[in-house]
Amino acid sequence: MGIFSKRVKPTQKAYAVVTGAGSGIGRSFSIELAKRGGTVVCADINLEAAQETVQLLEGLGAKAFAVECDVGNKDQVKALADDAEKLMGHSVTLVINNAGVGLGGKFDEVSLEDWQWCMHVNLWGVIHGCHFFVPKFKKQGYGAIINVASAAGFTAAPEMTAYNVTKSSVLALSETLSAELRQNNIRVNVLCPTLVPTNIMKNGRLPGHYSGLADDLLMNHAFTTSDKVAIKTLNNLDAGKLYTIPQPDAKLFWLMKRASPSLYTKVLGIGYPLFNRFVK
């Protein structure tokens, strides 16, 4: 048995690497881990933002380190995996692949360059994180992974094709790893939220008529906060649960899609033109 026996929770005093830790859910994960006695490497493409998170963690009495990392770059993620152990003076016990970007638009109006940008971060970032940390976890006999997907991974909302594809892939990757790595004492949880107040859409690429609406929905009409999402996800990981679907609307979409996929898609198609008239 490894450290993750029934008596020990993987988020207690974790040695964690969190990507996209400079803001939003990544920062909330980092803060909550610090409150649980953890040591955290805060990775972000924006080093200054990562350093701000580190200052917050140090204010809680935790050890934390800021690292600049483009998760879509395999060499940078490999360096992150190797350097994290040196920085913390301990092997990594938890990796949270959180970094992500937002992209919207009609399928035939989204450029291949935008597709590549979205895949670079949302999908390859998670693949790289798993690729470089899983062998280390296997070697040490334990580990834990949280992959941040989205309810978009199963809701298949129109005009979000690229984003949906990346998040559904993260969901499939997480489900596969959960089954494959169970025998290695490696726990996996995949987070699938709907609206969470973060900067993902503000810093993303959306059609002009959606950008204001998306920002308003995220900041003023979400059912939860990034802090609550982080706490729930970490608790679910501790409980050995694979899925974290934190909001009632996400759970409703999940149940509808699973109960009748074809009917769900038809209803979505009928409602799409009505929604378009509303936002325009």
Protein backbone atom coordinates (compact mmCIF):
# COMPACT_ATOMS: atom_id res chain seq x y z
CA MET A 1 0.00 0.00 0.00
CA GLY A 2 1.20 3.51 -0.76
CA ILE A 3 0.60 6.76 1.02
CA PHE A 4 -2.99 6.84 -0.24
CA SER A 5 -4.33 4.17 2.07
CA LYS A 6 -7.73 4.63 3.64
CA ARG A 7 -6.14 6.51 6.53
CA VAL A 8 -4.35 9.11 4.42
CA LYS A 9 -5.95 11.62 2.05
CA PRO A 10 -3.94 12.66 -1.03
CA THR A 11 -4.72 16.36 -0.53
CA GLN A 12 -3.49 16.50 3.06
CA LYS A 13 0.06 17.84 3.20
CA ALA A 14 0.33 17.25 -0.52
CA TYR A 15 3.38 18.11 -2.59
CA ALA A 16 1.46 19.54 -5.51
CA VAL A 17 1.99 21.06 -8.92
CA VAL A 18 -0.85 23.27 -10.14
CA THR A 19 -0.89 24.63 -13.68
CA GLY A 20 -2.75 27.84 -14.47
CA ALA A 21 -2.20 28.73 -10.83
CA GLY A 22 -2.00 32.46 -11.47
CA SER A 23 -5.75 33.05 -11.24
CA GLY A 24 -9.21 31.50 -11.10
CA ILE A 25 -9.66 27.84 -10.21
CA GLY A 26 -5.90 27.22 -10.28
CA ARG A 27 -5.30 29.87 -7.65
CA SER A 28 -8.18 28.51 -5.57
CA PHE A 29 -6.73 24.99 -5.74
CA SER A 30 -3.36 26.34 -4.63
CA ILE A 31 -4.81 28.24 -1.68
CA GLU A 32 -6.91 25.30 -0.50
CA LEU A 33 -3.95 22.94 -0.70
CA ALA A 34 -1.91 25.40 1.36
CA LYS A 35 -4.68 25.46 3.97
CA ARG A 36 -4.45 21.66 4.11
CA GLY A 37 -0.75 21.87 4.91
CA GLY A 38 0.50 21.33 1.38
CA THR A 39 3.54 22.58 -0.49
CA VAL A 40 2.67 23.93 -3.93
CA VAL A 41 4.50 24.67 -7.16
CA CYS A 42 2.39 27.33 -8.86
CA ALA A 43 2.91 27.12 -12.62
CA ASP A 44 1.52 29.64 -15.08
CA ILE A 45 2.42 31.09 -18.45
CA ASN A 46 2.26 34.45 -16.66
CA LEU A 47 5.09 34.30 -14.11
CA GLU A 48 3.99 37.49 -12.36
CA ALA A 49 0.52 36.03 -11.74
CA ALA A 50 2.08 32.83 -10.38
CA GLN A 51 4.25 34.89 -8.04
CA GLU A 52 1.16 36.70 -6.75
CA THR A 53 -0.39 33.34 -5.90
CA VAL A 54 2.80 32.28 -4.14
CA GLN A 55 2.66 35.41 -1.99
CA LEU A 56 -0.89 34.50 -0.94
CA LEU A 57 0.21 30.98 0.00
CA GLU A 58 3.22 32.22 1.92
CA GLY A 59 0.85 34.49 3.82
CA LEU A 60 -0.91 31.31 4.96
CA GLY A 61 2.41 29.93 6.20
CA ALA A 62 2.84 27.50 3.32
CA LYS A 63 5.86 26.78 1.17
CA ALA A 64 5.22 27.70 -2.45
CA PHE A 65 7.20 28.26 -5.61
CA ALA A 66 6.39 30.11 -8.85
CA VAL A 67 7.37 28.64 -12.21
CA GLU A 68 6.73 30.02 -15.68
CA CYS A 69 5.37 27.29 -17.93
CA ASP A 70 3.55 27.02 -21.24
CA VAL A 71 1.75 23.71 -20.73
CA GLY A 72 1.43 23.16 -24.48
CA ASN A 73 5.21 23.01 -24.75
CA LYS A 74 6.34 19.48 -23.87
CA ASP A 75 9.88 20.55 -22.98
CA GLN A 76 8.63 23.12 -20.50
CA VAL A 77 6.28 20.62 -18.84
CA LYS A 78 9.06 18.04 -18.61
CA ALA A 79 11.25 20.67 -16.94
CA LEU A 80 8.36 21.53 -14.61
CA ALA A 81 8.00 17.88 -13.56
CA ASP A 82 11.74 17.55 -12.90
CA ASP A 83 12.26 20.94 -11.25
CA ALA A 84 9.22 20.64 -8.96
CA GLU A 85 10.87 17.84 -6.99
CA LYS A 86 14.04 19.89 -6.58
CA LEU A 87 12.15 23.00 -5.50
CA MET A 88 10.04 21.20 -2.92
CA GLY A 89 12.72 18.76 -1.78
CA HIS A 90 10.17 15.98 -2.14
CA SER A 91 8.59 13.92 -4.88
CA VAL A 92 5.35 15.29 -6.31
CA THR A 93 2.24 13.56 -4.92
CA LEU A 94 -0.47 15.52 -6.77
CA VAL A 95 -0.64 17.22 -10.15
CA ILE A 96 -3.56 19.46 -11.09
CA ASN A 97 -3.77 20.05 -14.84
CA ASN A 98 -5.86 23.19 -14.73
CA ALA A 99 -4.48 25.63 -17.30
CA GLY A 100 -7.05 26.42 -19.97
CA VAL A 101 -8.29 28.95 -22.51
CA GLY A 102 -11.72 29.81 -23.89
CA LEU A 103 -12.68 29.77 -27.56
CA GLY A 104 -16.05 30.25 -29.23
CA GLY A 105 -17.53 30.83 -32.66
CA LYS A 106 -19.36 29.04 -35.46
CA PHE A 107 -17.46 26.01 -36.74
CA ASP A 108 -16.88 27.42 -40.23
CA GLU A 109 -15.75 30.77 -38.85
CA VAL A 110 -13.10 29.52 -36.42
CA SER A 111 -9.64 29.50 -37.96
CA LEU A 112 -7.32 26.52 -37.82
CA GLU A 113 -4.87 28.75 -35.98
CA ASP A 114 -7.46 29.26 -33.22
CA TRP A 115 -8.11 25.50 -33.14
CA GLN A 116 -4.41 24.88 -32.67
CA TRP A 117 -4.17 27.54 -29.95
CA CYS A 118 -7.05 25.96 -28.04
CA MET A 119 -5.75 22.40 -28.46
CA HIS A 120 -2.24 23.53 -27.48
CA VAL A 121 -3.39 24.54 -24.00
CA ASN A 122 -6.61 22.70 -23.19
CA LEU A 123 -5.72 19.27 -24.53
CA TRP A 124 -1.97 19.01 -25.01
CA GLY A 125 -1.42 20.79 -21.70
CA VAL A 126 -3.28 18.00 -19.90
CA ILE A 127 -1.66 15.27 -21.99
CA HIS A 128 1.78 16.66 -21.22
CA GLY A 129 0.99 16.95 -17.51
CA CYS A 130 -0.13 13.33 -17.34
CA HIS A 131 2.67 12.09 -19.59
CA PHE A 132 5.48 13.46 -17.45
CA PHE A 133 4.00 12.85 -14.01
CA VAL A 134 2.42 9.39 -14.35
CA PRO A 135 5.78 7.56 -14.70
CA LYS A 136 7.02 9.30 -11.55
CA PHE A 137 3.88 8.29 -9.66
CA LYS A 138 4.23 4.69 -10.82
CA LYS A 139 7.85 4.58 -9.72
CA GLN A 140 7.07 5.88 -6.24
CA GLY A 141 3.99 3.69 -5.88
CA TYR A 142 1.33 6.39 -5.46
CA GLY A 143 0.08 9.71 -6.78
CA ALA A 144 -3.01 11.70 -7.66
CA ILE A 145 -4.20 13.61 -10.71
CA ILE A 146 -6.91 16.23 -11.10
CA ASN A 147 -7.72 17.16 -14.68
CA VAL A 148 -9.87 20.24 -15.19
CA ALA A 149 -12.29 19.57 -18.02
CA SER A 150 -15.69 21.26 -18.27
CA ALA A 151 -19.38 20.50 -18.58
CA ALA A 152 -18.72 21.58 -22.17
CA GLY A 153 -17.15 18.16 -22.55
CA PHE A 154 -20.60 16.57 -22.53
CA THR A 155 -23.07 19.39 -23.20
CA ALA A 156 -21.86 19.91 -26.80
CA ALA A 157 -23.21 23.47 -26.96
CA PRO A 158 -23.24 25.05 -30.46
CA GLU A 159 -20.58 27.61 -31.39
CA MET A 160 -18.11 26.09 -28.95
CA THR A 161 -16.82 23.25 -31.12
CA ALA A 162 -13.09 23.56 -30.49
CA TYR A 163 -13.53 24.12 -26.76
CA ASN A 164 -15.99 21.21 -26.52
CA VAL A 165 -13.62 18.89 -28.36
CA THR A 166 -10.71 19.67 -26.04
CA LYS A 167 -12.77 19.23 -22.89
CA SER A 168 -14.48 16.02 -24.00
CA SER A 169 -11.00 14.66 -24.75
CA VAL A 170 -9.82 15.57 -21.26
CA LEU A 171 -12.86 13.77 -19.86
CA ALA A 172 -12.08 10.63 -21.89
CA LEU A 173 -8.41 10.78 -20.94
CA SER A 174 -9.29 11.01 -17.26
CA GLU A 175 -11.75 8.11 -17.40
CA THR A 176 -9.18 5.95 -19.16
CA LEU A 177 -6.40 6.82 -16.73
CA SER A 178 -8.65 6.15 -13.74
CA ALA A 179 -9.19 2.58 -14.91
CA GLU A 180 -5.62 2.02 -16.07
CA LEU A 181 -3.85 3.48 -13.03
CA ARG A 182 -6.05 2.12 -10.24
CA GLN A 183 -3.74 -0.87 -9.83
CA ASN A 184 -0.83 1.55 -9.37
CA ASN A 185 -2.43 3.34 -6.41
CA ILE A 186 -2.88 6.52 -8.49
CA ARG A 187 -6.15 8.36 -8.04
CA VAL A 188 -7.77 10.44 -10.77
CA ASN A 189 -10.52 13.05 -10.60
CA VAL A 190 -11.93 15.06 -13.49
CA LEU A 191 -13.63 18.40 -12.83
CA CYS A 192 -16.57 19.32 -15.09
CA PRO A 193 -18.08 22.69 -14.08
CA THR A 194 -20.35 25.03 -16.00
CA LEU A 195 -19.98 28.73 -15.18
CA VAL A 196 -17.30 29.64 -12.65
CA PRO A 197 -16.22 33.28 -12.11
CA THR A 198 -12.73 33.30 -13.67
CA ASN A 199 -10.89 35.17 -16.41
CA ILE A 200 -11.04 32.28 -18.90
CA MET A 201 -13.51 33.98 -21.24
CA LYS A 202 -12.17 37.49 -20.69
CA ASN A 203 -8.76 36.23 -21.81
CA GLY A 204 -10.23 33.92 -24.43
CA ARG A 205 -11.33 34.34 -28.02
CA LEU A 206 -15.07 34.86 -28.45
CA PRO A 207 -17.26 36.44 -31.12
CA GLY A 208 -17.98 40.07 -30.26
CA HIS A 209 -21.70 39.56 -29.62
CA TYR A 210 -20.93 36.86 -27.03
CA SER A 211 -18.04 38.41 -25.12
CA GLY A 212 -20.11 40.79 -23.00
CA LEU A 213 -22.77 38.18 -22.29
CA ALA A 214 -20.19 35.55 -21.32
CA ASP A 215 -18.43 37.94 -18.96
CA ASP A 216 -21.74 38.92 -17.32
CA LEU A 217 -22.81 35.28 -16.89
CA LEU A 218 -19.48 34.23 -15.42
CA MET A 219 -19.18 37.07 -12.97
CA ASN A 220 -22.80 37.63 -11.95
CA HIS A 221 -24.87 34.49 -12.57
CA ALA A 222 -22.68 31.50 -11.70
CA PHE A 223 -24.01 28.98 -9.21
CA THR A 224 -20.71 28.72 -7.36
CA THR A 225 -17.23 30.20 -6.85
CA SER A 226 -13.78 28.95 -7.77
CA ASP A 227 -13.01 28.44 -4.07
CA LYS A 228 -16.04 26.18 -3.58
CA VAL A 229 -15.20 24.24 -6.73
CA ALA A 230 -11.63 23.65 -5.54
CA ILE A 231 -12.76 22.44 -2.12
CA LYS A 232 -15.37 20.08 -3.58
CA THR A 233 -12.93 18.64 -6.10
CA LEU A 234 -10.21 18.00 -3.54
CA ASN A 235 -12.75 16.38 -1.21
CA ASN A 236 -13.99 14.16 -4.03
CA LEU A 237 -10.43 13.11 -4.81
CA ASP A 238 -9.94 12.21 -1.16
CA ALA A 239 -13.13 10.15 -1.30
CA GLY A 240 -11.90 8.25 -4.35
CA LYS A 241 -14.50 9.72 -6.71
CA LEU A 242 -13.73 10.05 -10.41
CA TYR A 243 -16.14 12.87 -11.33
CA THR A 244 -16.66 16.31 -9.85
CA ILE A 245 -19.75 17.95 -11.34
CA PRO A 246 -20.16 20.83 -8.90
CA GLN A 247 -23.26 22.75 -10.03
CA PRO A 248 -26.92 21.80 -10.39
CA ASP A 249 -27.10 22.88 -14.04
CA ALA A 250 -24.05 20.75 -14.88
CA LYS A 251 -25.64 17.76 -13.15
CA LEU A 252 -28.91 18.32 -15.04
CA PHE A 253 -27.12 18.40 -18.41
CA TRP A 254 -25.14 15.29 -17.41
CA LEU A 255 -28.31 13.34 -16.55
CA MET A 256 -30.20 14.51 -19.66
CA LYS A 257 -27.33 13.58 -21.97
CA ARG A 258 -26.88 10.16 -20.39
CA ALA A 259 -30.60 9.39 -20.32
CA SER A 260 -31.29 10.16 -23.97
CA PRO A 261 -28.35 11.41 -26.05
CA SER A 262 -30.31 11.70 -29.31
CA LEU A 263 -33.22 13.59 -27.75
CA TYR A 264 -30.81 15.87 -25.92
CA THR A 265 -29.07 16.81 -29.18
CA LYS A 266 -32.39 17.45 -30.95
CA VAL A 267 -33.59 19.75 -28.15
CA LEU A 268 -30.27 21.57 -28.25
CA GLY A 269 -30.63 22.09 -31.99
CA ILE A 270 -34.16 23.46 -31.60
CA GLY A 271 -33.14 25.84 -28.84
CA TYR A 272 -30.00 27.12 -30.56
CA PRO A 273 -31.74 29.52 -33.04
CA LEU A 274 -33.89 30.91 -30.21
CA PHE A 275 -30.82 31.57 -28.10
CA ASN A 276 -29.13 33.27 -31.05
CA ARG A 277 -32.02 35.70 -31.40
CA PHE A 278 -31.78 36.52 -27.71
CA VAL A 279 -28.09 37.34 -27.67
CA LYS A 280 -28.27 39.40 -30.86
